[in-house]
């Protein structure tokens, strides 16, 4: 357990927690096969990390790798994942971070594939725990492009989606980092149901969102950003109205295309 007097896990605790969180990620279907990686900071310049090529559901402490923040292996017989660069960049950009998780939770990853930020204020818990979750630009896994793509988000947010890849969360300890991963997938699931299946959502208004961000600050969380919100008293269009508006927009676009094509044809005939 972390305290102010002991801000880091011991090596024994860190390895035990990485294996436990890896098992939970695997059972939650956040990873498949050898996907995902986890790191925990155990000192100002040291971390323990999951190895490459091992299922997170079947790890044992002896498989883990200890590194410094330059990526040099200090202990362990296995190699760290090539995606360790992503974790090291989070620690470099945000010194308050003590743990990082990376996984491919299916719904959140679907939003990442679609390039859609998670930024709708539909749940108080999501606003407080996560805030908004942006999508980082696409980068080839295992390359320097990945840490460069996430760098702008490490300080001001609590999580980021990796375009066409997965999700990355961090926190003051491994429990917070993992809870953010669970909350991220839960948030994405709610947005999928309300946006694509029910096709209606009563979003929180700006006053309600402001109240929630104040609660977040009182909890000692000063990152996450502010989700989009509707003005207080504003009515959300009904599903029928939204569909009508959508059809009207389509008609307008079609009319514009027809007009442009007609104009081009007439110019050629002259």
Protein backbone atom coordinates (compact mmCIF):
# COMPACT_ATOMS: atom_id res chain seq x y z
CA UNK A 1 0.00 0.00 0.00
CA UNK A 2 1.30 3.46 -0.93
CA UNK A 3 1.49 6.28 1.60
CA UNK A 4 3.08 9.72 1.66
CA UNK A 5 6.00 8.25 3.53
CA UNK A 6 6.36 5.37 1.04
CA UNK A 7 5.34 6.74 -2.38
CA UNK A 8 6.51 3.64 -4.27
CA UNK A 9 5.64 -0.05 -4.21
CA UNK A 10 8.39 -2.43 -3.14
CA UNK A 11 9.71 -4.76 -5.84
CA UNK A 12 7.78 -7.66 -4.30
CA UNK A 13 4.50 -5.68 -4.16
CA UNK A 14 4.93 -4.30 -7.67
CA UNK A 15 5.45 -7.73 -9.23
CA UNK A 16 2.53 -9.20 -7.31
CA UNK A 17 0.23 -6.33 -8.37
CA UNK A 18 1.26 -6.51 -12.04
CA UNK A 19 0.35 -10.21 -12.16
CA UNK A 20 -2.98 -9.56 -10.40
CA UNK A 21 -3.93 -6.66 -12.70
CA UNK A 22 -2.85 -8.68 -15.74
CA UNK A 23 -5.15 -11.51 -14.66
CA UNK A 24 -8.06 -9.08 -14.20
CA UNK A 25 -7.46 -7.52 -17.62
CA UNK A 26 -7.45 -10.97 -19.23
CA UNK A 27 -10.64 -12.11 -17.46
CA UNK A 28 -12.38 -8.84 -18.42
CA UNK A 29 -11.56 -9.51 -22.10
CA UNK A 30 -9.52 -6.30 -22.25
CA UNK A 31 -6.68 -8.28 -23.88
CA UNK A 32 -6.38 -11.36 -26.09
CA UNK A 33 -3.42 -13.70 -26.52
CA UNK A 34 -0.29 -11.69 -25.63
CA UNK A 35 -1.85 -8.22 -25.97
CA UNK A 36 -1.35 -5.36 -23.56
CA UNK A 37 1.29 -4.32 -21.05
CA UNK A 38 1.55 -3.00 -17.50
CA UNK A 39 4.23 -1.06 -15.63
CA UNK A 40 4.66 0.11 -12.04
CA UNK A 41 7.20 2.65 -10.83
CA UNK A 42 9.21 1.41 -7.82
CA UNK A 43 11.61 4.33 -7.42
CA UNK A 44 12.53 7.69 -8.99
CA UNK A 45 14.25 5.90 -11.89
CA UNK A 46 12.98 2.29 -11.87
CA UNK A 47 9.92 0.39 -13.07
CA UNK A 48 8.75 -3.22 -13.28
CA UNK A 49 7.14 -4.21 -16.58
CA UNK A 50 5.36 -7.10 -18.25
CA UNK A 51 7.53 -9.09 -20.68
CA UNK A 52 6.95 -9.50 -24.38
CA UNK A 53 5.19 -12.59 -25.69
CA UNK A 54 3.36 -13.58 -22.49
CA UNK A 55 -0.40 -13.67 -21.89
CA UNK A 56 -1.43 -11.25 -19.15
CA UNK A 57 -3.69 -13.96 -17.74
CA UNK A 58 -0.85 -16.42 -17.11
CA UNK A 59 2.02 -14.29 -15.83
CA UNK A 60 4.10 -15.13 -12.79
CA UNK A 61 6.40 -12.71 -10.91
CA UNK A 62 9.57 -14.38 -12.20
CA UNK A 63 8.60 -13.43 -15.77
CA UNK A 64 8.66 -9.68 -15.14
CA UNK A 65 11.39 -7.26 -16.15
CA UNK A 66 12.93 -4.36 -14.20
CA UNK A 67 14.12 -1.31 -16.15
CA UNK A 68 15.35 2.22 -15.58
CA UNK A 69 13.51 5.15 -17.15
CA UNK A 70 15.92 5.13 -20.09
CA UNK A 71 14.71 1.63 -20.97
CA UNK A 72 17.82 -0.26 -19.78
CA UNK A 73 17.03 -3.71 -18.37
CA UNK A 74 18.20 -4.02 -14.74
CA UNK A 75 16.74 -7.41 -13.78
CA UNK A 76 14.81 -10.29 -15.33
CA UNK A 77 15.63 -12.91 -17.95
CA UNK A 78 12.99 -11.86 -20.48
CA UNK A 79 12.68 -8.90 -22.83
CA UNK A 80 10.24 -6.03 -22.21
CA UNK A 81 7.57 -5.28 -24.78
CA UNK A 82 8.53 -2.97 -27.65
CA UNK A 83 5.66 -0.78 -26.42
CA UNK A 84 7.61 0.01 -23.24
CA UNK A 85 8.57 3.28 -24.98
CA UNK A 86 4.97 4.40 -24.56
CA UNK A 87 5.06 3.82 -20.80
CA UNK A 88 8.43 5.51 -20.41
CA UNK A 89 7.08 8.58 -22.20
CA UNK A 90 4.12 8.84 -19.82
CA UNK A 91 6.49 8.78 -16.82
CA UNK A 92 8.73 11.39 -18.46
CA UNK A 93 5.84 13.73 -19.30
CA UNK A 94 4.02 13.34 -15.96
CA UNK A 95 6.21 12.76 -12.87
CA UNK A 96 3.10 12.21 -10.71
CA UNK A 97 2.33 8.94 -12.51
CA UNK A 98 3.25 5.73 -10.69
CA UNK A 99 1.63 3.12 -12.95
CA UNK A 100 0.49 2.69 -16.56
CA UNK A 101 -1.79 0.14 -18.23
CA UNK A 102 -2.27 -0.56 -21.93
CA UNK A 103 -4.96 -2.88 -23.29
CA UNK A 104 -7.42 -3.39 -26.15
CA UNK A 105 -10.86 -3.26 -24.49
CA UNK A 106 -13.24 -4.01 -27.40
CA UNK A 107 -15.72 -1.12 -27.20
CA UNK A 108 -13.20 1.59 -26.33
CA UNK A 109 -10.90 0.26 -29.06
CA UNK A 110 -13.81 0.46 -31.51
CA UNK A 111 -14.06 4.18 -30.74
CA UNK A 112 -10.30 4.42 -31.28
CA UNK A 113 -10.68 2.68 -34.65
CA UNK A 114 -13.46 5.11 -35.59
CA UNK A 115 -11.37 8.07 -34.41
CA UNK A 116 -14.08 9.25 -32.00
CA UNK A 117 -13.11 11.00 -28.73
CA UNK A 118 -15.01 10.00 -25.59
CA UNK A 119 -16.17 13.47 -24.59
CA UNK A 120 -19.93 13.38 -23.96
CA UNK A 121 -21.19 14.21 -20.47
CA UNK A 122 -23.61 11.32 -20.02
CA UNK A 123 -22.41 9.90 -16.70
CA UNK A 124 -21.30 11.63 -13.46
CA UNK A 125 -18.81 8.83 -12.78
CA UNK A 126 -17.20 9.20 -16.20
CA UNK A 127 -16.85 12.98 -15.76
CA UNK A 128 -15.23 12.58 -12.33
CA UNK A 129 -13.02 9.55 -12.98
CA UNK A 130 -12.00 10.25 -16.58
CA UNK A 131 -13.21 13.62 -17.83
CA UNK A 132 -12.63 13.40 -21.56
CA UNK A 133 -10.61 10.80 -23.44
CA UNK A 134 -9.04 12.03 -26.69
CA UNK A 135 -7.81 9.92 -29.60
CA UNK A 136 -4.07 10.19 -30.27
CA UNK A 137 -2.96 10.17 -33.94
CA UNK A 138 -2.21 6.79 -35.49
CA UNK A 139 1.31 5.49 -34.94
CA UNK A 140 2.97 2.22 -35.91
CA UNK A 141 3.11 -0.04 -32.81
CA UNK A 142 6.58 -0.48 -31.34
CA UNK A 143 8.04 2.61 -33.02
CA UNK A 144 9.04 6.02 -31.65
CA UNK A 145 5.90 7.39 -33.32
CA UNK A 146 3.78 5.92 -30.50
CA UNK A 147 5.34 7.79 -27.55
CA UNK A 148 5.44 10.95 -29.66
CA UNK A 149 1.72 10.60 -30.45
CA UNK A 150 0.65 10.38 -26.79
CA UNK A 151 3.04 12.96 -25.34
CA UNK A 152 0.64 15.94 -25.64
CA UNK A 153 -2.02 14.14 -23.54
CA UNK A 154 -0.01 12.71 -20.61
CA UNK A 155 -0.20 15.73 -18.32
CA UNK A 156 -3.74 17.06 -18.80
CA UNK A 157 -5.72 13.83 -19.23
CA UNK A 158 -6.17 10.54 -17.39
CA UNK A 159 -6.39 8.26 -20.41
CA UNK A 160 -5.99 8.30 -24.17
CA UNK A 161 -7.25 6.17 -27.03
CA UNK A 162 -4.63 5.05 -29.54
CA UNK A 163 -6.00 5.37 -33.07
CA UNK A 164 -6.71 1.90 -34.55
CA UNK A 165 -4.91 0.30 -31.64
CA UNK A 166 -6.27 0.39 -28.07
CA UNK A 167 -6.29 2.37 -24.85
CA UNK A 168 -3.73 3.71 -22.40
CA UNK A 169 -4.44 4.78 -18.80
CA UNK A 170 -2.25 5.95 -15.95
CA UNK A 171 -2.55 6.95 -12.30
CA UNK A 172 -0.92 7.66 -8.94
CA UNK A 173 -0.85 3.90 -8.36
CA UNK A 174 -1.72 0.73 -10.26
CA UNK A 175 -5.23 0.54 -8.76
CA UNK A 176 -6.12 4.00 -10.05
CA UNK A 177 -4.61 3.27 -13.46
CA UNK A 178 -6.55 0.01 -13.74
CA UNK A 179 -9.82 1.50 -12.47
CA UNK A 180 -9.50 4.15 -15.16
CA UNK A 181 -9.16 1.37 -17.73
CA UNK A 182 -12.34 -0.30 -16.44
CA UNK A 183 -14.17 3.05 -16.36
CA UNK A 184 -12.98 3.82 -19.89
CA UNK A 185 -14.52 0.64 -21.30
CA UNK A 186 -17.71 1.17 -19.28
CA UNK A 187 -17.97 4.78 -20.54
CA UNK A 188 -17.45 3.66 -24.15
CA UNK A 189 -20.12 0.96 -23.72
CA UNK A 190 -22.66 3.53 -22.47
CA UNK A 191 -21.90 5.84 -25.39
CA UNK A 192 -22.29 2.96 -27.83
CA UNK A 193 -25.67 1.94 -26.43
CA UNK A 194 -27.06 5.47 -26.08
CA UNK A 195 -25.60 6.79 -29.33
CA UNK A 196 -25.89 3.84 -31.70
CA UNK A 197 -28.60 1.55 -30.29
CA UNK A 198 -31.07 3.61 -28.26
CA UNK A 199 -30.04 6.68 -30.32
CA UNK A 200 -30.92 9.11 -27.56
CA UNK A 201 -29.09 10.50 -24.55
CA UNK A 202 -29.91 13.17 -22.00
CA UNK A 203 -26.53 14.85 -21.67
CA UNK A 204 -25.62 16.69 -18.47
CA UNK A 205 -25.83 20.46 -18.70
CA UNK A 206 -22.86 22.78 -18.17
CA UNK A 207 -23.75 23.61 -14.57
CA UNK A 208 -23.95 19.91 -13.71
CA UNK A 209 -20.61 19.25 -15.40
CA UNK A 210 -19.05 22.19 -13.54
CA UNK A 211 -20.27 20.76 -10.22
CA UNK A 212 -18.73 17.40 -11.08
CA UNK A 213 -15.36 18.88 -12.03
CA UNK A 214 -15.32 20.65 -8.65
CA UNK A 215 -15.90 17.29 -6.97
CA UNK A 216 -13.04 15.91 -9.00
CA UNK A 217 -10.72 18.68 -7.78
CA UNK A 218 -11.70 18.00 -4.15
CA UNK A 219 -10.67 14.39 -4.73
CA UNK A 220 -7.22 15.65 -5.70
CA UNK A 221 -7.68 14.98 -9.43
CA UNK A 222 -6.68 18.03 -11.48
CA UNK A 223 -6.57 16.41 -14.90
CA UNK A 224 -9.12 14.99 -17.31
CA UNK A 225 -10.45 17.98 -19.21
CA UNK A 226 -14.10 18.98 -19.45
CA UNK A 227 -16.61 17.04 -21.57
CA UNK A 228 -18.95 18.85 -23.94
CA UNK A 229 -22.16 19.96 -22.24
CA UNK A 230 -25.48 21.50 -23.18
CA UNK A 231 -26.57 24.94 -21.89
CA UNK A 232 -28.77 24.76 -18.82
CA UNK A 233 -32.44 24.50 -19.83
CA UNK A 234 -31.64 23.53 -23.43
CA UNK A 235 -33.88 20.78 -24.77
CA UNK A 236 -32.35 17.90 -26.64
CA UNK A 237 -34.05 17.05 -29.98
CA UNK A 238 -36.17 13.93 -29.94
CA UNK A 239 -35.10 10.92 -31.94
CA UNK A 240 -37.65 11.76 -34.65
CA UNK A 241 -36.44 15.38 -34.81
CA UNK A 242 -32.83 14.26 -35.02
CA UNK A 243 -33.66 11.90 -37.88
CA UNK A 244 -35.61 14.66 -39.67
CA UNK A 245 -32.69 17.05 -39.29
CA UNK A 246 -30.35 14.40 -40.61
CA UNK A 247 -32.56 13.83 -43.68
CA UNK A 248 -32.78 17.58 -44.29
CA UNK A 249 -28.98 17.81 -44.18
CA UNK A 250 -28.70 14.98 -46.70
CA UNK A 251 -31.18 16.68 -49.03
CA UNK A 252 -29.21 19.93 -48.82
CA UNK A 253 -25.94 18.16 -49.68
CA UNK A 254 -27.55 16.35 -52.62
CA UNK A 255 -29.00 19.64 -53.91
CA UNK A 256 -25.59 21.30 -53.75
CA UNK A 257 -23.93 18.42 -55.63
CA UNK A 258 -26.63 18.45 -58.33
CA UNK A 259 -26.25 22.22 -58.75
CA UNK A 260 -22.48 21.98 -59.11
CA UNK A 261 -22.65 19.12 -61.63
CA UNK A 262 -25.31 20.95 -63.65
CA UNK A 263 -23.17 24.09 -63.70
CA UNK A 264 -20.11 22.14 -64.91
CA UNK A 265 -22.14 20.43 -67.67
CA UNK A 266 -23.54 23.76 -68.88
CA UNK A 267 -20.07 25.29 -68.97
CA UNK A 268 -18.80 22.43 -71.14
CA UNK A 269 -21.75 22.84 -73.55
CA UNK A 270 -21.13 26.56 -74.06
